[in-house]
Structures are given as C-alpha cells and as structure tokens.
Amino acid sequence: MVSPAHELPRTPASAPLVTVRGLAVHYGDKVALQGVDLEIRDHEIFGIIGPANAGKTSFLRALNRMDEFVPGMRVDGAVTFAGRDVREIRNLYALRRHIGVVFPLPVGLPLSIYDNVALAPRLAGTRKRADLDGIVEHCLRRAALWDEVKDRLGSLGSLLSGGQQQRLTIARALSQDPELLLLDEFSIAVDPVTTMRIEEVLKELKQELTIVLVTNLVQQARRLADRTAFFLGGRCVELAETETLFGGGARQQSTIDYLEGRFG
C-alpha cells in the first residue's frame, strides 16, 4: 500500500534531515557529480557555492528525484531524507510535498495568484474555500508578498514583476508545508532590493524548515548560510561552518582562490 503524503515522518531533532553517501550523477556518459558525502541538519540554511558546471544543480535534482523527469540523467549512491532512502519512497508526491523546490527563474503557472498557491492544497484534498483562503494568505505572508497582491488575487500570476513572481514561486512551494526547501540561484532574475527582501524571508523561514541554498553570489552564502559547501569539478571540495570558511579557515587552496575571486 502506498503511504499518503502526510505519513512521511518528521525528523527527530538529534538526527540529520538529509544524509548523502557516495552520490554520483551522470547525464549519459558525462559525469556531473561524484563521491559526495555530507549531511544537512534540521533547521539550518545549507549554502552551496562554486563555479558553473560544478554539480550544484545536479545535487538538488538528486535530493528531489528530479532525474525521473530529466532524460539521460542517472543517480547513484544514497540519499536519505527523514530517515528514509528517497529511492524507496514509492509515493513520489509524498516526497515532493516534503521537499519543495524554487528554480532560478520564476516559473509561474498560467493561473491566478490565488490559484498558483491553492493548487497544491487542492490536489492534497483541501476543498473548503475558507481553508484555502487561510492557506493562501499564510503562504503569501510568509513569502512577503501578501500586502502587495491581497487586492488582486484573481489576477494572473504571470502579470507580476519578476521579483514578485519569484516570491509567488516561494509561496507556492510553501503551500505544501515542506520540511526541506531547495533554492537554486533565486537571485538571477531579481533586483538587489527584492533579493534582500527574500533573504529576510529565508532567515525567518529557517525557524520552520530547512533550506538548501545554491547561489552564485558568494556574499549571499556568507550572509545567510549556517554552513557552506564548496563544489568544484563535480565534487564537494570543502564543507565548513560559514563563519569558519569565510573567516580564513578554508583548508583547500581551490576554496580560498574561489572565495577571493581568482576564478569563477
């Protein structure tokens, strides 16, 4: 019998939320990621930095089993989420409810602002309008968007500005009440002011969930992440507390060179 989404257990406070062992990702004959071993703690912002083609996005895809929708992508090794191997969770919808994703560019559904956020709860069985209203308002508030859109919830989400669409995407991800939120370079299409607003949102969300933040902005990782991993050439070269990594405690020369802007 396939377990419904809500039956995935919450993680004990003492255990890592995510454990990765021997992770490798291939696209056909191309190796994108290999030999990654790390743990992600509950209620932390886990930063991932590194140059293009370092394997950062492939790492996120492996966490959420996105390889099942990417032709030619193969994942080897073990990824454990909330104490369970993600490959053994037969109900993929259950996994996706607990692991939300926000992509680099806002991907708004061709729906109203309201329906963008209400879609996942409806699919999960919520039907009462009052319940949906409460979820939509709560998620839009958490994404710092409610005050800007509360009077036009029936308007198309695609008519919002780029920064507002990105926050709508976050609200949509939050509507599933995820335990883990994956963000892949959310700042690419967002202006600096909006970027700072979203960063403040992420700091608050850390109290409720765990965030994995892939960013091409080194200083963004420094501002937000509790711990930071440096990826290079498909490997996790170094992982440390962010304060240590940026405070002169990096051990690998490639990490030091990247942090000091010598390449990337």
Protein backbone atom coordinates (compact mmCIF):
# COMPACT_ATOMS: atom_id res chain seq x y z
CA MET A 1 0.00 0.00 0.00
CA VAL A 2 1.34 3.43 -0.96
CA SER A 3 1.57 5.76 2.01
CA PRO A 4 -0.17 9.13 1.68
CA ALA A 5 1.93 12.27 1.75
CA HIS A 6 1.21 13.19 5.34
CA GLU A 7 2.52 9.85 6.65
CA LEU A 8 6.18 10.64 5.98
CA PRO A 9 7.64 11.02 9.50
CA ARG A 10 9.12 14.24 10.79
CA THR A 11 12.81 14.06 11.63
CA PRO A 12 13.97 13.55 15.23
CA ALA A 13 15.74 16.69 16.47
CA SER A 14 19.02 14.83 17.01
CA ALA A 15 19.22 13.33 13.51
CA PRO A 16 20.33 14.97 10.24
CA LEU A 17 17.42 15.75 7.96
CA VAL A 18 19.38 14.67 4.87
CA THR A 19 22.29 12.24 4.62
CA VAL A 20 24.17 11.81 1.34
CA ARG A 21 26.64 8.99 0.79
CA GLY A 22 28.64 8.29 -2.36
CA LEU A 23 26.35 10.42 -4.50
CA ALA A 24 27.10 10.48 -8.22
CA VAL A 25 25.11 11.98 -11.07
CA HIS A 26 25.57 11.17 -14.76
CA TYR A 27 23.98 12.62 -17.89
CA GLY A 28 24.59 9.93 -20.45
CA ASP A 29 28.36 9.45 -20.46
CA LYS A 30 29.05 12.79 -18.75
CA VAL A 31 29.85 12.75 -15.03
CA ALA A 32 28.28 15.81 -13.36
CA LEU A 33 28.79 14.81 -9.73
CA GLN A 34 30.76 12.12 -7.95
CA GLY A 35 31.71 10.93 -4.49
CA VAL A 36 29.63 13.41 -2.49
CA ASP A 37 29.27 12.62 1.21
CA LEU A 38 27.58 15.14 3.52
CA GLU A 39 24.77 15.73 5.98
CA ILE A 40 22.24 18.54 6.18
CA ARG A 41 20.95 19.45 9.62
CA ASP A 42 17.40 20.24 10.57
CA HIS A 43 16.54 23.96 10.65
CA GLU A 44 19.71 25.24 9.01
CA ILE A 45 20.40 27.16 5.84
CA PHE A 46 22.89 24.99 3.99
CA GLY A 47 24.74 27.01 1.35
CA ILE A 48 26.32 25.58 -1.80
CA ILE A 49 28.73 27.70 -3.81
CA GLY A 50 31.00 27.05 -6.75
CA PRO A 51 31.54 27.99 -10.40
CA ALA A 52 29.30 26.96 -13.29
CA ASN A 53 29.19 23.22 -14.04
CA ALA A 54 30.40 22.34 -10.56
CA GLY A 55 27.45 19.99 -9.96
CA LYS A 56 25.38 22.23 -7.68
CA THR A 57 22.07 21.95 -9.54
CA SER A 58 22.61 18.23 -10.11
CA PHE A 59 22.90 17.85 -6.35
CA LEU A 60 19.49 19.48 -5.83
CA ARG A 61 17.95 17.31 -8.54
CA ALA A 62 19.20 14.18 -6.80
CA LEU A 63 17.64 15.24 -3.50
CA ASN A 64 14.20 15.60 -5.06
CA ARG A 65 14.40 12.72 -7.57
CA MET A 66 14.12 15.13 -10.46
CA ASP A 67 16.22 12.69 -12.51
CA GLU A 68 12.98 10.84 -13.21
CA PHE A 69 11.98 13.77 -15.43
CA VAL A 70 15.41 14.54 -16.98
CA PRO A 71 16.23 12.29 -19.96
CA GLY A 72 19.59 10.54 -19.65
CA MET A 73 20.14 11.51 -16.02
CA ARG A 74 21.27 8.73 -13.68
CA VAL A 75 21.79 8.95 -9.92
CA ASP A 76 23.97 6.53 -7.96
CA GLY A 77 24.71 6.42 -4.23
CA ALA A 78 22.34 7.00 -1.33
CA VAL A 79 20.21 9.99 -0.34
CA THR A 80 18.33 9.64 2.94
CA PHE A 81 15.61 12.11 3.86
CA ALA A 82 13.92 12.00 7.28
CA GLY A 83 15.49 8.60 7.87
CA ARG A 84 14.27 7.06 4.60
CA ASP A 85 16.07 6.37 1.33
CA VAL A 86 14.38 8.68 -1.19
CA ARG A 87 14.52 5.87 -3.78
CA GLU A 88 12.37 3.69 -1.56
CA ILE A 89 9.60 6.25 -1.13
CA ARG A 90 7.16 4.84 -3.68
CA ASN A 91 4.78 7.78 -3.50
CA LEU A 92 6.74 10.48 -5.32
CA TYR A 93 4.03 13.02 -4.50
CA ALA A 94 4.66 12.35 -0.80
CA LEU A 95 8.34 13.14 -1.29
CA ARG A 96 7.58 16.30 -3.26
CA ARG A 97 5.22 17.53 -0.56
CA HIS A 98 8.07 17.43 1.92
CA ILE A 99 10.82 18.71 -0.39
CA GLY A 100 9.91 21.96 -2.16
CA VAL A 101 11.94 23.49 -4.99
CA VAL A 102 12.35 27.06 -6.23
CA PHE A 103 14.11 27.32 -9.58
CA PRO A 104 16.46 30.09 -10.81
CA LEU A 105 13.79 31.76 -12.94
CA PRO A 106 10.23 32.12 -11.61
CA VAL A 107 8.01 29.50 -13.21
CA GLY A 108 4.50 30.82 -12.73
CA LEU A 109 1.59 28.59 -13.61
CA PRO A 110 -0.92 30.07 -16.08
CA LEU A 111 -3.29 30.68 -13.19
CA SER A 112 -4.36 33.49 -10.93
CA ILE A 113 -2.20 34.48 -7.97
CA TYR A 114 -4.68 32.73 -5.70
CA ASP A 115 -4.77 29.52 -7.72
CA ASN A 116 -0.98 29.36 -8.01
CA VAL A 117 -0.81 28.98 -4.23
CA ALA A 118 -4.02 26.98 -3.77
CA LEU A 119 -3.21 24.33 -6.38
CA ALA A 120 -1.13 22.00 -4.19
CA PRO A 121 -3.53 22.10 -1.21
CA ARG A 122 -6.41 21.32 -3.59
CA LEU A 123 -4.52 18.36 -5.01
CA ALA A 124 -3.90 17.21 -1.44
CA GLY A 125 -7.64 17.21 -0.78
CA THR A 126 -8.41 20.64 0.71
CA ARG A 127 -11.76 21.75 -0.69
CA LYS A 128 -13.31 24.29 1.68
CA ARG A 129 -12.90 27.84 0.46
CA ALA A 130 -12.25 29.16 3.96
CA ASP A 131 -9.41 26.68 4.45
CA LEU A 132 -7.89 27.55 1.09
CA ASP A 133 -8.22 31.27 1.83
CA GLY A 134 -6.27 30.79 5.05
CA ILE A 135 -3.52 28.77 3.35
CA VAL A 136 -3.13 31.28 0.51
CA GLU A 137 -2.90 34.26 2.86
CA HIS A 138 -0.50 32.47 5.21
CA CYS A 139 1.86 31.41 2.41
CA LEU A 140 1.81 34.81 0.71
CA ARG A 141 2.59 36.45 4.04
CA ARG A 142 5.47 34.04 4.63
CA ALA A 143 6.82 34.97 1.21
CA ALA A 144 6.47 38.72 1.98
CA LEU A 145 4.02 39.17 -0.89
CA TRP A 146 0.57 39.43 0.72
CA ASP A 147 0.46 43.20 1.18
CA GLU A 148 1.34 43.74 -2.49
CA VAL A 149 -1.22 41.37 -4.00
CA LYS A 150 -4.08 40.96 -1.50
CA ASP A 151 -6.38 43.21 -3.55
CA ARG A 152 -5.78 41.40 -6.86
CA LEU A 153 -5.61 37.71 -6.02
CA GLY A 154 -7.70 36.95 -9.11
CA SER A 155 -5.11 38.46 -11.46
CA LEU A 156 -2.73 36.26 -13.42
CA GLY A 157 0.48 35.48 -11.56
CA SER A 158 2.38 36.00 -14.82
CA LEU A 159 1.49 39.71 -14.74
CA LEU A 160 3.52 40.27 -11.58
CA SER A 161 7.00 41.75 -11.69
CA GLY A 162 9.97 39.38 -11.81
CA GLY A 163 10.67 39.77 -8.11
CA GLN A 164 7.02 39.28 -7.21
CA GLN A 165 6.82 36.18 -9.40
CA GLN A 166 9.83 34.73 -7.60
CA ARG A 167 8.17 35.32 -4.24
CA LEU A 168 4.96 33.78 -5.63
CA THR A 169 7.01 30.71 -6.54
CA ILE A 170 8.26 30.56 -2.95
CA ALA A 171 4.70 30.90 -1.65
CA ARG A 172 3.60 28.08 -3.95
CA ALA A 173 6.41 25.86 -2.64
CA LEU A 174 5.45 26.71 0.95
CA SER A 175 1.80 25.79 0.32
CA GLN A 176 2.79 22.13 0.59
CA ASP A 177 4.21 22.70 4.07
CA PRO A 178 7.63 21.29 3.13
CA GLU A 179 10.21 20.14 5.62
CA LEU A 180 13.02 20.96 3.17
CA LEU A 181 13.16 23.85 0.69
CA LEU A 182 15.64 23.79 -2.20
CA LEU A 183 16.52 27.12 -3.80
CA ASP A 184 18.58 27.20 -6.99
CA GLU A 185 20.10 30.65 -7.56
CA PHE A 186 16.85 32.51 -6.88
CA SER A 187 18.59 35.90 -7.33
CA ILE A 188 19.37 35.52 -11.05
CA ALA A 189 16.30 37.43 -12.29
CA VAL A 190 15.67 39.53 -9.18
CA ASP A 191 16.77 43.09 -8.46
CA PRO A 192 19.01 43.77 -5.42
CA VAL A 193 16.22 45.28 -3.30
CA THR A 194 13.96 42.28 -3.85
CA THR A 195 16.89 39.93 -3.26
CA MET A 196 17.39 41.44 0.19
CA ARG A 197 13.66 41.10 0.94
CA ILE A 198 13.73 37.42 0.01
CA GLU A 199 16.86 36.92 2.12
CA GLU A 200 14.99 38.28 5.14
CA VAL A 201 12.15 35.86 4.37
CA LEU A 202 14.60 32.95 4.29
CA LYS A 203 16.08 33.90 7.66
CA GLU A 204 12.60 33.76 9.17
CA LEU A 205 11.68 30.51 7.41
CA LYS A 206 14.69 28.78 8.94
CA GLN A 207 12.74 28.66 12.18
CA GLU A 208 10.17 26.41 10.48
CA LEU A 209 12.10 24.34 7.96
CA THR A 210 15.49 23.51 6.45
CA ILE A 211 16.81 25.36 3.41
CA VAL A 212 19.42 24.30 0.86
CA LEU A 213 20.60 27.41 -0.98
CA VAL A 214 22.57 27.13 -4.20
CA THR A 215 23.93 30.57 -5.01
CA ASN A 216 26.39 32.13 -7.43
CA LEU A 217 26.71 35.07 -5.04
CA VAL A 218 29.46 34.25 -2.57
CA GLN A 219 28.47 37.03 -0.20
CA GLN A 220 24.88 35.82 -0.19
CA ALA A 221 26.06 32.50 1.20
CA ARG A 222 28.07 34.38 3.78
CA ARG A 223 25.01 36.40 4.85
CA LEU A 224 22.57 33.51 5.01
CA ALA A 225 24.16 30.10 5.39
CA ASP A 226 24.92 28.38 8.67
CA ARG A 227 27.25 26.02 6.85
CA THR A 228 28.62 26.27 3.31
CA ALA A 229 29.84 23.62 0.88
CA PHE A 230 32.16 24.46 -2.00
CA PHE A 231 31.60 22.39 -5.14
CA LEU A 232 34.17 22.19 -7.93
CA GLY A 233 34.51 19.80 -10.85
CA GLY A 234 31.63 17.66 -9.71
CA ARG A 235 32.93 17.16 -6.19
CA CYS A 236 32.27 18.66 -2.77
CA VAL A 237 35.73 20.03 -2.17
CA GLU A 238 35.12 21.52 1.24
CA LEU A 239 32.34 21.90 3.81
CA ALA A 240 32.54 24.00 6.95
CA GLU A 241 30.69 26.40 9.18
CA THR A 242 30.19 29.53 7.11
CA GLU A 243 31.92 31.75 9.65
CA THR A 244 34.95 29.44 9.55
CA LEU A 245 35.04 29.15 5.76
CA PHE A 246 34.83 32.89 5.15
CA GLY A 247 36.89 33.88 8.18
CA GLY A 248 40.17 32.47 6.93
CA GLY A 249 39.58 28.88 7.94
CA ALA A 250 39.25 27.35 4.46
CA ARG A 251 41.67 24.47 4.09
CA GLN A 252 41.71 23.84 0.35
CA GLN A 253 43.59 26.24 -1.91
CA SER A 254 40.86 25.99 -4.56
CA THR A 255 38.31 27.14 -1.98
CA ILE A 256 40.49 30.08 -0.97
CA ASP A 257 41.04 31.04 -4.62
CA TYR A 258 37.31 30.94 -5.33
CA LEU A 259 36.37 32.96 -2.26
CA GLU A 260 38.96 35.56 -3.17
CA GLY A 261 37.61 35.83 -6.72
CA ARG A 262 40.56 34.31 -8.58
CA PHE A 263 38.21 32.22 -10.71
CA GLY A 264 34.51 31.54 -11.08
